[in-house]
Amino acid sequence: MLTVDLVVAILLVKVNVGLIAMRAAGAELDLAFIAAFVALLLMGPGRLSLDRAIGLDRRPAGSRS
């Protein structure tokens, strides 16, 4: 949902400013956040996830790092 929100913000607000702007905030930070959100989505929960801490992770311990 955050990715969709940032895409809409870029399209509505920052499309006229450009990618990197000198006088106003460009879209580069928003694009970095989108990349981070997509990376987290694709990586999934890891060893330090809340699911594993409270016991919701049903996979065996050695099946995925």
PDB file of N, CA and C in Angstrom:
ATOM      1  N   MET A   1       0.817  -1.193   0.000  1.00  0.00           N
ATOM      2  CA  MET A   1       0.000   0.000   0.000  1.00  0.00           C
ATOM      3  C   MET A   1       0.867   1.266   0.000  1.00  0.00           C
ATOM      4  N   LEU A   2       1.994   1.207   0.684  1.00  0.00           N
ATOM      5  CA  LEU A   2       2.870   2.378   0.704  1.00  0.00           C
ATOM      6  C   LEU A   2       3.479   2.644  -0.676  1.00  0.00           C
ATOM      7  N   THR A   3       3.750   1.587  -1.413  1.00  0.00           N
ATOM      8  CA  THR A   3       4.276   1.753  -2.760  1.00  0.00           C
ATOM      9  C   THR A   3       3.259   2.438  -3.659  1.00  0.00           C
ATOM     10  N   VAL A   4       2.006   2.008  -3.573  1.00  0.00           N
ATOM     11  CA  VAL A   4       0.946   2.630  -4.367  1.00  0.00           C
ATOM     12  C   VAL A   4       0.793   4.098  -3.976  1.00  0.00           C
ATOM     13  N   ASP A   5       0.851   4.382  -2.688  1.00  0.00           N
ATOM     14  CA  ASP A   5       0.740   5.757  -2.214  1.00  0.00           C
ATOM     15  C   ASP A   5       1.863   6.641  -2.770  1.00  0.00           C
ATOM     16  N   LEU A   6       3.075   6.122  -2.773  1.00  0.00           N
ATOM     17  CA  LEU A   6       4.195   6.905  -3.292  1.00  0.00           C
ATOM     18  C   LEU A   6       4.122   7.079  -4.799  1.00  0.00           C
ATOM     19  N   VAL A   7       3.665   6.073  -5.506  1.00  0.00           N
ATOM     20  CA  VAL A   7       3.510   6.208  -6.959  1.00  0.00           C
ATOM     21  C   VAL A   7       2.488   7.293  -7.280  1.00  0.00           C
ATOM     22  N   VAL A   8       1.371   7.302  -6.550  1.00  0.00           N
ATOM     23  CA  VAL A   8       0.351   8.336  -6.763  1.00  0.00           C
ATOM     24  C   VAL A   8       0.911   9.708  -6.410  1.00  0.00           C
ATOM     25  N   ALA A   9       1.674   9.803  -5.336  1.00  0.00           N
ATOM     26  CA  ALA A   9       2.272  11.088  -4.958  1.00  0.00           C
ATOM     27  C   ALA A   9       3.232  11.591  -6.029  1.00  0.00           C
ATOM     28  N   ILE A  10       4.023  10.691  -6.599  1.00  0.00           N
ATOM     29  CA  ILE A  10       4.942  11.092  -7.668  1.00  0.00           C
ATOM     30  C   ILE A  10       4.162  11.572  -8.881  1.00  0.00           C
ATOM     31  N   LEU A  11       3.126  10.838  -9.247  1.00  0.00           N
ATOM     32  CA  LEU A  11       2.364  11.193 -10.447  1.00  0.00           C
ATOM     33  C   LEU A  11       1.573  12.485 -10.278  1.00  0.00           C
ATOM     34  N   LEU A  12       1.042  12.731  -9.098  1.00  0.00           N
ATOM     35  CA  LEU A  12       0.212  13.919  -8.885  1.00  0.00           C
ATOM     36  C   LEU A  12       1.010  15.164  -8.528  1.00  0.00           C
ATOM     37  N   VAL A  13       2.076  15.001  -7.778  1.00  0.00           N
ATOM     38  CA  VAL A  13       2.777  16.163  -7.234  1.00  0.00           C
ATOM     39  C   VAL A  13       4.114  16.418  -7.919  1.00  0.00           C
ATOM     40  N   LYS A  14       4.891  15.384  -8.123  1.00  0.00           N
ATOM     41  CA  LYS A  14       6.281  15.590  -8.519  1.00  0.00           C
ATOM     42  C   LYS A  14       6.554  15.346  -9.989  1.00  0.00           C
ATOM     43  N   VAL A  15       5.545  15.113 -10.783  1.00  0.00           N
ATOM     44  CA  VAL A  15       5.777  14.861 -12.198  1.00  0.00           C
ATOM     45  C   VAL A  15       6.287  16.124 -12.901  1.00  0.00           C
ATOM     46  N   ASN A  16       5.876  17.289 -12.458  1.00  0.00           N
ATOM     47  CA  ASN A  16       6.333  18.543 -13.066  1.00  0.00           C
ATOM     48  C   ASN A  16       7.696  18.990 -12.542  1.00  0.00           C
ATOM     49  N   VAL A  17       8.086  18.510 -11.371  1.00  0.00           N
ATOM     50  CA  VAL A  17       9.356  18.914 -10.764  1.00  0.00           C
ATOM     51  C   VAL A  17      10.525  18.175 -11.411  1.00  0.00           C
ATOM     52  N   GLY A  18      10.353  16.907 -11.688  1.00  0.00           N
ATOM     53  CA  GLY A  18      11.418  16.108 -12.284  1.00  0.00           C
ATOM     54  C   GLY A  18      12.016  15.138 -11.296  1.00  0.00           C
ATOM     55  N   LEU A  19      12.949  14.366 -11.792  1.00  0.00           N
ATOM     56  CA  LEU A  19      13.572  13.349 -10.951  1.00  0.00           C
ATOM     57  C   LEU A  19      14.474  13.971  -9.884  1.00  0.00           C
ATOM     58  N   ILE A  20      15.401  14.788 -10.310  1.00  0.00           N
ATOM     59  CA  ILE A  20      16.302  15.473  -9.376  1.00  0.00           C
ATOM     60  C   ILE A  20      16.164  16.969  -9.638  1.00  0.00           C
ATOM     61  N   ALA A  21      15.659  17.701  -8.662  1.00  0.00           N
ATOM     62  CA  ALA A  21      15.425  19.132  -8.824  1.00  0.00           C
ATOM     63  C   ALA A  21      16.311  19.903  -7.858  1.00  0.00           C
ATOM     64  N   MET A  22      16.752  21.059  -8.274  1.00  0.00           N
ATOM     65  CA  MET A  22      17.625  21.874  -7.439  1.00  0.00           C
ATOM     66  C   MET A  22      16.851  22.703  -6.414  1.00  0.00           C
ATOM     67  N   ARG A  23      15.706  23.239  -6.785  1.00  0.00           N
ATOM     68  CA  ARG A  23      14.993  24.152  -5.893  1.00  0.00           C
ATOM     69  C   ARG A  23      13.879  23.490  -5.105  1.00  0.00           C
ATOM     70  N   ALA A  24      13.391  22.374  -5.545  1.00  0.00           N
ATOM     71  CA  ALA A  24      12.312  21.677  -4.847  1.00  0.00           C
ATOM     72  C   ALA A  24      12.715  20.219  -4.674  1.00  0.00           C
ATOM     73  N   ALA A  25      11.958  19.527  -3.855  1.00  0.00           N
ATOM     74  CA  ALA A  25      12.239  18.109  -3.635  1.00  0.00           C
ATOM     75  C   ALA A  25      11.857  17.326  -4.874  1.00  0.00           C
ATOM     76  N   GLY A  26      12.802  16.588  -5.415  1.00  0.00           N
ATOM     77  CA  GLY A  26      12.538  15.756  -6.582  1.00  0.00           C
ATOM     78  C   GLY A  26      11.945  14.424  -6.160  1.00  0.00           C
ATOM     79  N   ALA A  27      11.874  13.524  -7.090  1.00  0.00           N
ATOM     80  CA  ALA A  27      11.256  12.220  -6.848  1.00  0.00           C
ATOM     81  C   ALA A  27      12.274  11.167  -6.428  1.00  0.00           C
ATOM     82  N   GLU A  28      13.532  11.532  -6.264  1.00  0.00           N
ATOM     83  CA  GLU A  28      14.553  10.521  -5.990  1.00  0.00           C
ATOM     84  C   GLU A  28      14.350   9.820  -4.650  1.00  0.00           C
ATOM     85  N   LEU A  29      13.951  10.528  -3.614  1.00  0.00           N
ATOM     86  CA  LEU A  29      13.723   9.896  -2.317  1.00  0.00           C
ATOM     87  C   LEU A  29      12.511   8.975  -2.378  1.00  0.00           C
ATOM     88  N   ASP A  30      11.466   9.392  -3.057  1.00  0.00           N
ATOM     89  CA  ASP A  30      10.292   8.548  -3.206  1.00  0.00           C
ATOM     90  C   ASP A  30      10.628   7.266  -3.961  1.00  0.00           C
ATOM     91  N   LEU A  31      11.437   7.378  -5.006  1.00  0.00           N
ATOM     92  CA  LEU A  31      11.847   6.198  -5.762  1.00  0.00           C
ATOM     93  C   LEU A  31      12.717   5.264  -4.922  1.00  0.00           C
ATOM     94  N   ALA A  32      13.547   5.815  -4.055  1.00  0.00           N
ATOM     95  CA  ALA A  32      14.353   4.992  -3.153  1.00  0.00           C
ATOM     96  C   ALA A  32      13.463   4.252  -2.158  1.00  0.00           C
ATOM     97  N   PHE A  33      12.443   4.930  -1.647  1.00  0.00           N
ATOM     98  CA  PHE A  33      11.500   4.265  -0.742  1.00  0.00           C
ATOM     99  C   PHE A  33      10.736   3.157  -1.453  1.00  0.00           C
ATOM    100  N   ILE A  34      10.325   3.400  -2.690  1.00  0.00           N
ATOM    101  CA  ILE A  34       9.619   2.372  -3.454  1.00  0.00           C
ATOM    102  C   ILE A  34      10.519   1.151  -3.647  1.00  0.00           C
ATOM    103  N   ALA A  35      11.779   1.369  -3.964  1.00  0.00           N
ATOM    104  CA  ALA A  35      12.716   0.259  -4.127  1.00  0.00           C
ATOM    105  C   ALA A  35      12.882  -0.519  -2.827  1.00  0.00           C
ATOM    106  N   ALA A  36      12.954   0.186  -1.700  1.00  0.00           N
ATOM    107  CA  ALA A  36      13.085  -0.489  -0.404  1.00  0.00           C
ATOM    108  C   ALA A  36      11.831  -1.283  -0.062  1.00  0.00           C
ATOM    109  N   PHE A  37      10.654  -0.729  -0.328  1.00  0.00           N
ATOM    110  CA  PHE A  37       9.409  -1.448  -0.039  1.00  0.00           C
ATOM    111  C   PHE A  37       9.280  -2.700  -0.895  1.00  0.00           C
ATOM    112  N   VAL A  38       9.649  -2.613  -2.168  1.00  0.00           N
ATOM    113  CA  VAL A  38       9.573  -3.775  -3.053  1.00  0.00           C
ATOM    114  C   VAL A  38      10.593  -4.829  -2.622  1.00  0.00           C
ATOM    115  N   ALA A  39      11.788  -4.410  -2.220  1.00  0.00           N
ATOM    116  CA  ALA A  39      12.795  -5.364  -1.746  1.00  0.00           C
ATOM    117  C   ALA A  39      12.315  -6.087  -0.496  1.00  0.00           C
ATOM    118  N   LEU A  40      11.715  -5.363   0.435  1.00  0.00           N
ATOM    119  CA  LEU A  40      11.183  -6.001   1.642  1.00  0.00           C
ATOM    120  C   LEU A  40      10.044  -6.953   1.313  1.00  0.00           C
ATOM    121  N   LEU A  41       9.221  -6.586   0.367  1.00  0.00           N
ATOM    122  CA  LEU A  41       8.117  -7.451  -0.042  1.00  0.00           C
ATOM    123  C   LEU A  41       8.637  -8.752  -0.646  1.00  0.00           C
ATOM    124  N   LEU A  42       9.667  -8.666  -1.479  1.00  0.00           N
ATOM    125  CA  LEU A  42      10.191  -9.850  -2.139  1.00  0.00           C
ATOM    126  C   LEU A  42      11.033 -10.729  -1.215  1.00  0.00           C
ATOM    127  N   MET A  43      11.695 -10.124  -0.234  1.00  0.00           N
ATOM    128  CA  MET A  43      12.530 -10.910   0.677  1.00  0.00           C
ATOM    129  C   MET A  43      11.703 -11.699   1.671  1.00  0.00           C
ATOM    130  N   GLY A  44      10.599 -11.147   2.121  1.00  0.00           N
ATOM    131  CA  GLY A  44       9.763 -11.846   3.088  1.00  0.00           C
ATOM    132  C   GLY A  44      10.355 -11.814   4.485  1.00  0.00           C
ATOM    133  N   PRO A  45       9.690 -12.478   5.419  1.00  0.00           N
ATOM    134  CA  PRO A  45      10.168 -12.467   6.803  1.00  0.00           C
ATOM    135  C   PRO A  45      11.438 -13.295   6.948  1.00  0.00           C
ATOM    136  N   GLY A  46      12.290 -12.856   7.818  1.00  0.00           N
ATOM    137  CA  GLY A  46      13.555 -13.551   8.065  1.00  0.00           C
ATOM    138  C   GLY A  46      13.631 -14.089   9.477  1.00  0.00           C
ATOM    139  N   ARG A  47      14.851 -14.338   9.912  1.00  0.00           N
ATOM    140  CA  ARG A  47      15.050 -14.903  11.257  1.00  0.00           C
ATOM    141  C   ARG A  47      14.638 -13.942  12.358  1.00  0.00           C
ATOM    142  N   LEU A  48      14.718 -12.653  12.113  1.00  0.00           N
ATOM    143  CA  LEU A  48      14.400 -11.671  13.141  1.00  0.00           C
ATOM    144  C   LEU A  48      12.968 -11.148  13.025  1.00  0.00           C
ATOM    145  N   SER A  49      12.104 -11.869  12.321  1.00  0.00           N
ATOM    146  CA  SER A  49      10.739 -11.387  12.114  1.00  0.00           C
ATOM    147  C   SER A  49       9.885 -11.577  13.361  1.00  0.00           C
ATOM    148  N   LEU A  50       8.832 -10.797  13.429  1.00  0.00           N
ATOM    149  CA  LEU A  50       7.893 -10.897  14.540  1.00  0.00           C
ATOM    150  C   LEU A  50       7.149 -12.231  14.508  1.00  0.00           C
ATOM    151  N   ASP A  51       6.878 -12.760  13.316  1.00  0.00           N
ATOM    152  CA  ASP A  51       6.210 -14.052  13.203  1.00  0.00           C
ATOM    153  C   ASP A  51       7.003 -15.155  13.894  1.00  0.00           C
ATOM    154  N   ARG A  52       8.283 -15.166  13.666  1.00  0.00           N
ATOM    155  CA  ARG A  52       9.116 -16.193  14.297  1.00  0.00           C
ATOM    156  C   ARG A  52       9.231 -15.962  15.805  1.00  0.00           C
ATOM    157  N   ALA A  53       9.267 -14.709  16.238  1.00  0.00           N
ATOM    158  CA  ALA A  53       9.408 -14.408  17.669  1.00  0.00           C
ATOM    159  C   ALA A  53       8.192 -14.853  18.474  1.00  0.00           C
ATOM    160  N   ILE A  54       6.995 -14.741  17.901  1.00  0.00           N
ATOM    161  CA  ILE A  54       5.797 -15.130  18.655  1.00  0.00           C
ATOM    162  C   ILE A  54       5.301 -16.524  18.293  1.00  0.00           C
ATOM    163  N   GLY A  55       6.015 -17.232  17.421  1.00  0.00           N
ATOM    164  CA  GLY A  55       5.705 -18.618  17.132  1.00  0.00           C
ATOM    165  C   GLY A  55       4.732 -18.851  15.992  1.00  0.00           C
ATOM    166  N   LEU A  56       4.512 -17.885  15.117  1.00  0.00           N
ATOM    167  CA  LEU A  56       3.605 -18.080  13.992  1.00  0.00           C
ATOM    168  C   LEU A  56       4.286 -18.682  12.774  1.00  0.00           C
ATOM    169  N   ASP A  57       5.596 -18.696  12.767  1.00  0.00           N
ATOM    170  CA  ASP A  57       6.341 -19.256  11.643  1.00  0.00           C
ATOM    171  C   ASP A  57       6.308 -20.769  11.765  1.00  0.00           C
ATOM    172  N   ARG A  58       5.660 -21.455  10.825  1.00  0.00           N
ATOM    173  CA  ARG A  58       5.458 -22.899  10.905  1.00  0.00           C
ATOM    174  C   ARG A  58       6.505 -23.690  10.126  1.00  0.00           C
ATOM    175  N   ARG A  59       7.440 -23.000   9.463  1.00  0.00           N
ATOM    176  CA  ARG A  59       8.479 -23.707   8.719  1.00  0.00           C
ATOM    177  C   ARG A  59       9.520 -24.256   9.689  1.00  0.00           C
ATOM    178  N   PRO A  60      10.161 -25.349   9.314  1.00  0.00           N
ATOM    179  CA  PRO A  60      11.281 -25.842  10.126  1.00  0.00           C
ATOM    180  C   PRO A  60      12.401 -24.810  10.171  1.00  0.00           C
ATOM    181  N   ALA A  61      13.188 -24.837  11.215  1.00  0.00           N
ATOM    182  CA  ALA A  61      14.199 -23.809  11.437  1.00  0.00           C
ATOM    183  C   ALA A  61      15.250 -23.763  10.329  1.00  0.00           C
ATOM    184  N   GLY A  62      15.603 -24.874   9.704  1.00  0.00           N
ATOM    185  CA  GLY A  62      16.658 -24.892   8.708  1.00  0.00           C
ATOM    186  C   GLY A  62      16.176 -24.753   7.279  1.00  0.00           C
ATOM    187  N   SER A  63      14.869 -24.620   7.052  1.00  0.00           N
ATOM    188  CA  SER A  63      14.365 -24.616   5.683  1.00  0.00           C
ATOM    189  C   SER A  63      14.591 -23.309   4.955  1.00  0.00           C
ATOM    190  N   ARG A  64      14.625 -22.197   5.672  1.00  0.00           N
ATOM    191  CA  ARG A  64      14.836 -20.899   5.028  1.00  0.00           C
ATOM    192  C   ARG A  64      15.502 -19.957   6.022  1.00  0.00           C
ATOM    193  N   SER A  65      16.469 -19.187   5.520  1.00  0.00           N
ATOM    194  CA  SER A  65      17.170 -18.256   6.413  1.00  0.00           C
ATOM    195  C   SER A  65      16.540 -16.904   6.417  1.00  0.00           C
TER     196      SER A  65
END
